[in-house]
Amino acid sequence: MQSEDKFITKVASRKFNTKEKKIINPVYFNVGIYLIIPFLLGIFAGIKLDEKFNSKPFFAIIGIILGTASSLYNLWKLTKE
């Protein structure tokens, strides 16, 4: 009887996992879109400007740089929230 009481006391004193699940902000599901769209738009605009002005790598490189900067800015804004 005494061992049963110890067992019941031991089971009753256990702490169960009562942690609440952390809710993920749905905005973070769009991180890929926030990063890739400005980058692709920069490349696309750079290539189109290169075709128009016949200056093959110049505007494409500028488009890549501006697209990357824009993607990083979007990521910074997202993490700041």
Protein backbone atom coordinates (compact mmCIF):
# COMPACT_ATOMS: atom_id res chain seq x y z
CA MET A 1 0.00 0.00 0.00
CA GLN A 2 2.81 2.36 0.84
CA SER A 3 4.55 1.75 -2.49
CA GLU A 4 1.27 2.46 -4.30
CA ASP A 5 0.96 5.77 -2.45
CA LYS A 6 4.50 6.69 -3.47
CA PHE A 7 3.72 5.76 -7.07
CA ILE A 8 0.51 7.81 -7.08
CA THR A 9 2.32 10.77 -5.52
CA LYS A 10 5.09 10.47 -8.07
CA VAL A 11 2.67 10.34 -11.02
CA ALA A 12 0.58 13.19 -9.64
CA SER A 13 3.63 15.41 -9.21
CA ARG A 14 4.84 14.96 -12.79
CA LYS A 15 4.87 18.02 -14.94
CA PHE A 16 3.34 17.41 -18.29
CA ASN A 17 4.30 19.27 -21.42
CA THR A 18 2.00 22.26 -21.13
CA LYS A 19 3.90 24.56 -23.45
CA GLU A 20 1.69 26.34 -25.91
CA LYS A 21 2.58 26.03 -29.54
CA LYS A 22 4.16 29.13 -30.95
CA ILE A 23 2.10 30.61 -33.76
CA ILE A 24 4.16 31.50 -36.82
CA ASN A 25 3.36 34.80 -38.44
CA PRO A 26 1.86 34.05 -41.89
CA VAL A 27 3.94 36.86 -43.38
CA TYR A 28 7.03 34.65 -43.06
CA PHE A 29 5.56 32.16 -45.53
CA ASN A 30 6.06 34.79 -48.24
CA VAL A 31 9.78 35.30 -47.63
CA GLY A 32 10.71 33.51 -50.85
CA ILE A 33 8.46 35.76 -52.87
CA TYR A 34 9.78 38.87 -51.10
CA LEU A 35 13.32 37.84 -52.01
CA ILE A 36 13.03 36.44 -55.54
CA ILE A 37 10.56 38.83 -57.22
CA PRO A 38 12.64 42.04 -56.89
CA PHE A 39 15.75 40.13 -57.97
CA LEU A 40 14.05 38.73 -61.07
CA LEU A 41 12.48 42.09 -61.92
CA GLY A 42 15.90 43.74 -61.70
CA ILE A 43 17.43 41.17 -64.04
CA PHE A 44 14.51 41.36 -66.47
CA ALA A 45 14.57 45.17 -66.57
CA GLY A 46 18.35 45.16 -66.99
CA ILE A 47 18.21 42.74 -69.91
CA LYS A 48 15.44 44.72 -71.61
CA LEU A 49 17.39 47.97 -71.21
CA ASP A 50 20.51 46.26 -72.59
CA GLU A 51 18.53 45.16 -75.64
CA LYS A 52 17.13 48.65 -76.15
CA PHE A 53 20.42 50.53 -75.78
CA ASN A 54 22.70 47.77 -77.13
CA SER A 55 24.93 47.73 -74.06
CA LYS A 56 24.90 44.04 -73.23
CA PRO A 57 26.26 43.53 -69.70
CA PHE A 58 25.92 47.03 -68.25
CA PHE A 59 22.21 47.32 -67.38
CA ALA A 60 21.92 43.63 -66.51
CA ILE A 61 24.62 44.04 -63.86
CA ILE A 62 22.95 47.18 -62.53
CA GLY A 63 19.63 45.31 -62.49
CA ILE A 64 21.18 42.46 -60.51
CA ILE A 65 22.67 44.91 -58.00
CA LEU A 66 19.42 46.86 -57.61
CA GLY A 67 17.35 43.67 -57.41
CA THR A 68 19.62 42.24 -54.74
CA ALA A 69 19.53 45.50 -52.77
CA SER A 70 15.75 45.57 -53.03
CA SER A 71 15.49 41.95 -51.87
CA LEU A 72 17.72 42.63 -48.88
CA TYR A 73 15.69 45.73 -48.04
CA ASN A 74 12.47 43.68 -48.13
CA LEU A 75 14.06 41.08 -45.86
CA TRP A 76 15.18 43.80 -43.46
CA LYS A 77 11.67 45.28 -43.36
CA LEU A 78 10.20 41.85 -42.75
CA THR A 79 12.50 41.04 -39.84
CA LYS A 80 12.02 44.50 -38.35
CA GLU A 81 8.27 43.85 -37.86
